[in-house]
Amino acid sequence: MSPFTGSAARTPDWEHLRVRLTDGVATVTLARPDKLNALTFGGYADLRDLLAELSRERAVRALVLAGEGRGFCSGGDVDEIIGATLAMDTAQLLDFNRMTGQVVRAIRECPFPVIAAVHGVAAGAGAVLALAADFRVADPSARFAFLFTRVGLSGGDMGAAYLLPRVVGLGHATRLLMLGEPVRAPEAERIGLISELTEEGRADEAAHALARRLADGPALAHAQTKALLTAELDMPLAAAIELDASTQALLMNGADYAEFHAAFTEKRPPKWQGR
């Protein structure tokens, strides 16, 4: 994401999200607790646009995506989205589905790690938002459900059929996307869908501790690692090795690489600059 901006100012307030930025850690909270944080058209668009703004500003070194209230996110709002899409023509439906996919791309392509703090339900689009994150930190109440076939749609929504097999393997992904059955936290951890399983009610705390650790580390190295993980998913080995080599050559000219050597020599912790 290019850091160059046009004349538009940063958006000061977001209708569907609560946003806080503290010392390089952004906390983005889905804020419709009365609806289990169900997404609306505006909610999707806010996430897409916020991630683009934060990516350009380069002030964020890690981001926690959380849900207010009893759960993480119950997916698309049945009344405000499913009901409305029944009245749309094909062009409008394509625009909507492309927008939801743009949110997933924004999560995967932003230059900082994203940690989903999951408690309670993460269903439908909510499950895909968590899936798209770099880390999923969840407490025992968490349950993931890819419900798309249960409403008569393909399980491959918002990139789920691309991402899920790469996280849990084709067999588990086929079961989860085809049947739409909920997966509770213990099984989600067993199959690799959860990065860290916490004690009850501690997902937000653990997610922020991880975000703090990442934000205090070498931000440029983290950004490039994330970019390579995404870019190399479908590359031949030779192309991936060449991309690794060119990336390392660039980073070896960076301030953080020199800072590590200086800190090691002086027997002190590195002071990472993210450059």
Protein backbone atom coordinates (compact mmCIF):
# COMPACT_ATOMS: atom_id res chain seq x y z
CA MET A 1 0.00 0.00 0.00
CA SER A 2 1.52 3.30 -1.10
CA PRO A 3 1.96 5.88 1.68
CA PHE A 4 1.20 8.73 -0.72
CA THR A 5 -2.17 10.41 -0.18
CA GLY A 6 -4.35 12.84 -2.03
CA SER A 7 -6.05 15.92 -0.66
CA ALA A 8 -8.71 14.05 1.36
CA ALA A 9 -8.25 14.26 5.12
CA ARG A 10 -8.22 11.25 7.40
CA THR A 11 -11.70 10.12 8.42
CA PRO A 12 -12.18 11.31 12.03
CA ASP A 13 -15.12 9.07 12.97
CA TRP A 14 -16.46 5.73 11.79
CA GLU A 15 -20.15 4.95 12.13
CA HIS A 16 -19.86 1.18 12.39
CA LEU A 17 -16.52 0.79 14.18
CA ARG A 18 -14.69 1.98 17.26
CA VAL A 19 -11.08 2.80 16.47
CA ARG A 20 -8.27 3.46 18.94
CA LEU A 21 -4.58 3.96 18.19
CA THR A 22 -2.07 3.71 21.05
CA ASP A 23 1.70 3.62 20.53
CA GLY A 24 1.52 1.87 17.18
CA VAL A 25 -1.26 -0.57 18.11
CA ALA A 26 -4.65 0.00 16.50
CA THR A 27 -7.73 -1.55 18.07
CA VAL A 28 -10.70 -1.84 15.71
CA THR A 29 -13.89 -2.99 17.39
CA LEU A 30 -17.03 -4.06 15.56
CA ALA A 31 -19.65 -2.12 17.47
CA ARG A 32 -23.17 -3.50 16.98
CA PRO A 33 -23.40 -5.62 20.13
CA ASP A 34 -27.20 -5.76 20.04
CA LYS A 35 -26.90 -7.55 16.67
CA LEU A 36 -23.87 -9.70 17.62
CA ASN A 37 -21.86 -7.26 15.48
CA ALA A 38 -23.62 -8.32 12.28
CA LEU A 39 -22.17 -6.51 9.28
CA THR A 40 -24.11 -4.07 7.13
CA PHE A 41 -23.18 -2.57 3.75
CA GLY A 42 -21.72 0.38 5.62
CA GLY A 43 -19.85 -1.87 8.03
CA TYR A 44 -18.06 -3.65 5.21
CA ALA A 45 -17.24 -0.36 3.52
CA ASP A 46 -15.93 1.18 6.75
CA LEU A 47 -13.56 -1.76 7.32
CA ARG A 48 -12.32 -1.56 3.73
CA ASP A 49 -11.72 2.19 3.89
CA LEU A 50 -10.25 2.21 7.40
CA LEU A 51 -7.67 -0.43 6.55
CA ALA A 52 -6.66 1.55 3.47
CA GLU A 53 -6.22 4.72 5.54
CA LEU A 54 -4.22 3.00 8.27
CA SER A 55 -2.01 1.33 5.67
CA ARG A 56 -1.15 4.65 4.06
CA GLU A 57 -0.43 6.44 7.32
CA ARG A 58 2.27 3.98 8.43
CA ALA A 59 1.58 4.82 12.09
CA VAL A 60 0.23 1.34 12.82
CA ARG A 61 2.58 -1.54 13.62
CA ALA A 62 -0.09 -4.05 14.68
CA LEU A 63 -3.88 -4.15 14.65
CA VAL A 64 -6.35 -5.98 16.89
CA LEU A 65 -9.76 -6.71 15.38
CA ALA A 66 -12.35 -7.41 18.08
CA GLY A 67 -16.09 -7.55 18.64
CA GLU A 68 -18.07 -5.74 21.30
CA GLY A 69 -20.47 -7.61 23.56
CA ARG A 70 -21.28 -11.34 23.51
CA GLY A 71 -19.47 -12.34 20.33
CA PHE A 72 -16.97 -11.47 17.64
CA CYS A 73 -19.22 -11.19 14.57
CA SER A 74 -22.33 -13.11 13.49
CA GLY A 75 -21.79 -12.39 9.78
CA GLY A 76 -23.89 -10.36 7.40
CA ASP A 77 -27.07 -8.84 8.81
CA VAL A 78 -29.99 -11.02 7.67
CA ASP A 79 -32.44 -8.15 7.29
CA GLU A 80 -30.14 -5.38 6.09
CA ILE A 81 -28.08 -7.45 3.66
CA ILE A 82 -29.78 -10.72 2.72
CA GLY A 83 -33.15 -9.07 2.45
CA ALA A 84 -31.74 -6.19 0.42
CA THR A 85 -29.74 -8.40 -1.97
CA LEU A 86 -32.91 -10.19 -3.05
CA ALA A 87 -33.97 -6.94 -4.74
CA MET A 88 -30.60 -6.31 -6.48
CA ASP A 89 -29.74 -7.00 -10.09
CA THR A 90 -26.63 -8.93 -11.12
CA ALA A 91 -24.45 -5.83 -11.51
CA GLN A 92 -25.34 -4.62 -8.01
CA LEU A 93 -24.75 -8.07 -6.53
CA LEU A 94 -21.35 -8.25 -8.18
CA ASP A 95 -20.43 -4.85 -6.75
CA PHE A 96 -21.46 -6.00 -3.27
CA ASN A 97 -19.57 -9.29 -3.42
CA ARG A 98 -16.49 -7.56 -4.75
CA MET A 99 -16.64 -5.12 -1.84
CA THR A 100 -16.74 -7.90 0.76
CA GLY A 101 -13.74 -9.48 -0.94
CA GLN A 102 -11.93 -6.15 -0.85
CA VAL A 103 -12.16 -6.24 2.95
CA VAL A 104 -10.38 -9.59 3.03
CA ARG A 105 -7.74 -8.35 0.60
CA ALA A 106 -7.22 -5.27 2.75
CA ILE A 107 -6.60 -7.48 5.80
CA ARG A 108 -4.16 -9.69 3.91
CA GLU A 109 -2.35 -6.84 2.13
CA CYS A 110 -2.05 -4.20 4.87
CA PRO A 111 1.60 -3.73 5.94
CA PHE A 112 1.10 -4.72 9.57
CA PRO A 113 0.02 -7.90 11.34
CA VAL A 114 -3.68 -8.26 12.15
CA ILE A 115 -4.77 -10.21 15.23
CA ALA A 116 -8.40 -11.32 15.53
CA ALA A 117 -9.50 -11.47 19.17
CA VAL A 118 -12.36 -13.96 19.07
CA HIS A 119 -14.91 -14.73 21.75
CA GLY A 120 -18.34 -16.18 21.21
CA VAL A 121 -19.60 -16.53 17.68
CA ALA A 122 -17.56 -15.90 14.53
CA ALA A 123 -19.99 -16.90 11.82
CA GLY A 124 -20.30 -16.39 8.08
CA ALA A 125 -18.43 -13.25 7.11
CA GLY A 126 -17.26 -12.98 10.73
CA ALA A 127 -15.50 -16.32 10.41
CA VAL A 128 -13.82 -15.17 7.19
CA LEU A 129 -12.64 -11.91 8.79
CA ALA A 130 -10.99 -13.95 11.54
CA LEU A 131 -9.58 -16.38 8.95
CA ALA A 132 -8.03 -13.52 6.99
CA ALA A 133 -6.17 -12.23 10.05
CA ASP A 134 -2.54 -13.19 10.60
CA PHE A 135 -3.28 -14.49 14.09
CA ARG A 136 -6.49 -15.75 15.70
CA VAL A 137 -6.46 -15.49 19.48
CA ALA A 138 -9.57 -17.04 20.99
CA ASP A 139 -11.02 -17.99 24.33
CA PRO A 140 -12.95 -21.25 25.03
CA SER A 141 -16.29 -19.65 24.16
CA ALA A 142 -15.22 -19.10 20.55
CA ARG A 143 -16.98 -20.99 17.78
CA PHE A 144 -16.42 -20.61 14.06
CA ALA A 145 -19.07 -21.38 11.46
CA PHE A 146 -18.78 -20.86 7.70
CA LEU A 147 -22.54 -20.74 7.10
CA PHE A 148 -22.72 -19.83 3.41
CA THR A 149 -24.11 -23.14 2.09
CA ARG A 150 -26.79 -22.99 4.78
CA VAL A 151 -28.27 -19.93 3.08
CA GLY A 152 -27.99 -21.51 -0.35
CA LEU A 153 -24.70 -19.91 -1.40
CA SER A 154 -21.23 -21.23 -2.18
CA GLY A 155 -18.95 -21.91 0.76
CA GLY A 156 -16.24 -20.14 -1.20
CA ASP A 157 -17.27 -16.65 -0.14
CA MET A 158 -14.88 -13.71 0.39
CA GLY A 159 -11.86 -15.86 -0.39
CA ALA A 160 -12.70 -18.59 2.14
CA ALA A 161 -12.08 -21.41 -0.34
CA TYR A 162 -8.63 -19.97 -1.01
CA LEU A 163 -7.58 -19.19 2.57
CA LEU A 164 -9.11 -21.97 4.66
CA PRO A 165 -7.38 -24.96 2.97
CA ARG A 166 -4.08 -23.15 3.42
CA VAL A 167 -4.73 -22.78 7.16
CA VAL A 168 -6.34 -26.12 8.09
CA GLY A 169 -5.80 -28.34 5.02
CA LEU A 170 -8.16 -29.37 2.24
CA GLY A 171 -9.96 -32.09 4.18
CA HIS A 172 -10.97 -29.92 7.12
CA ALA A 173 -11.73 -26.98 4.81
CA THR A 174 -14.06 -29.12 2.69
CA ARG A 175 -15.97 -30.23 5.78
CA LEU A 176 -16.24 -26.72 7.24
CA LEU A 177 -17.22 -24.97 4.01
CA MET A 178 -19.53 -27.69 2.66
CA LEU A 179 -21.47 -28.51 5.83
CA GLY A 180 -21.34 -25.13 7.58
CA GLU A 181 -21.23 -26.80 10.99
CA PRO A 182 -19.83 -24.82 13.93
CA VAL A 183 -16.34 -25.61 15.16
CA ARG A 184 -15.77 -24.91 18.82
CA ALA A 185 -12.53 -23.63 20.25
CA PRO A 186 -10.87 -26.94 21.25
CA GLU A 187 -11.33 -28.45 17.80
CA ALA A 188 -10.44 -25.16 16.11
CA GLU A 189 -7.15 -25.21 17.98
CA ARG A 190 -6.53 -28.86 17.09
CA ILE A 191 -6.92 -28.27 13.35
CA GLY A 192 -4.87 -25.07 13.37
CA LEU A 193 -7.66 -22.53 12.95
CA ILE A 194 -6.75 -20.88 16.28
CA SER A 195 -3.25 -19.49 16.80
CA GLU A 196 -3.61 -19.18 20.58
CA LEU A 197 -6.30 -20.50 22.93
CA THR A 198 -6.61 -18.41 26.08
CA GLU A 199 -8.44 -18.75 29.36
CA GLU A 200 -12.10 -17.71 29.44
CA GLY A 201 -12.54 -13.99 28.83
CA ARG A 202 -8.84 -13.38 28.13
CA ALA A 203 -8.81 -13.25 24.32
CA ASP A 204 -8.74 -9.44 24.09
CA GLU A 205 -5.98 -9.20 26.68
CA ALA A 206 -3.87 -11.86 24.98
CA ALA A 207 -4.45 -10.34 21.54
CA HIS A 208 -3.28 -6.94 22.77
CA ALA A 209 -0.22 -8.49 24.43
CA LEU A 210 0.69 -10.09 21.11
CA ALA A 211 0.02 -6.82 19.28
CA ARG A 212 2.28 -4.98 21.73
CA ARG A 213 5.05 -7.54 21.17
CA LEU A 214 4.74 -7.17 17.41
CA ALA A 215 4.52 -3.37 17.53
CA ASP A 216 7.68 -3.19 19.64
CA GLY A 217 9.56 -5.36 17.15
CA PRO A 218 11.08 -4.72 13.70
CA ALA A 219 8.00 -3.45 11.84
CA LEU A 220 9.52 -3.53 8.37
CA ALA A 221 10.64 -7.13 8.84
CA HIS A 222 7.13 -8.07 9.97
CA ALA A 223 5.57 -6.26 7.01
CA GLN A 224 7.82 -8.01 4.52
CA THR A 225 7.28 -11.40 6.14
CA LYS A 226 3.51 -10.92 5.84
CA ALA A 227 3.85 -9.80 2.22
CA LEU A 228 5.95 -12.86 1.35
CA LEU A 229 3.58 -15.27 3.09
CA THR A 230 0.73 -13.93 0.96
CA ALA A 231 2.63 -13.55 -2.31
CA GLU A 232 4.31 -16.96 -2.19
CA LEU A 233 1.18 -19.04 -1.56
CA ASP A 234 0.96 -19.94 -5.24
CA MET A 235 4.51 -19.30 -6.46
CA PRO A 236 6.87 -21.95 -7.79
CA LEU A 237 9.78 -22.59 -5.44
CA ALA A 238 12.33 -20.92 -7.72
CA ALA A 239 10.28 -17.71 -7.90
CA ALA A 240 9.73 -17.74 -4.14
CA ILE A 241 13.44 -18.15 -3.44
CA GLU A 242 14.27 -15.28 -5.80
CA LEU A 243 11.67 -13.05 -4.10
CA ASP A 244 13.12 -14.01 -0.69
CA ALA A 245 16.61 -13.12 -1.89
CA SER A 246 15.66 -9.69 -3.21
CA THR A 247 13.65 -8.92 -0.08
CA GLN A 248 16.54 -9.87 2.21
CA ALA A 249 18.97 -7.79 0.16
CA LEU A 250 16.74 -4.75 0.64
CA LEU A 251 16.33 -5.36 4.38
CA MET A 252 20.07 -5.86 4.80
CA ASN A 253 20.44 -2.24 3.70
CA GLY A 254 17.96 -1.17 6.38
CA ALA A 255 18.49 0.56 9.70
CA ASP A 256 17.06 -2.30 11.76
CA TYR A 257 19.57 -4.83 10.43
CA ALA A 258 22.47 -2.53 11.36
CA GLU A 259 20.81 -1.80 14.71
CA PHE A 260 20.67 -5.50 15.56
CA HIS A 261 24.41 -5.85 14.98
CA ALA A 262 25.16 -2.76 17.06
CA ALA A 263 22.92 -3.97 19.89
CA PHE A 264 24.45 -7.44 19.83
CA THR A 265 27.95 -6.00 19.92
CA GLU A 266 27.08 -3.63 22.76
CA LYS A 267 25.15 -6.34 24.65
CA ARG A 268 21.87 -4.37 24.81
CA PRO A 269 18.33 -4.83 23.42
CA PRO A 270 17.83 -3.49 19.87
CA LYS A 271 15.98 -0.22 19.40
CA TRP A 272 13.90 -1.06 16.35
CA GLN A 273 13.04 1.81 14.01
CA GLY A 274 10.90 0.00 11.47
CA ARG A 275 13.27 1.07 8.67
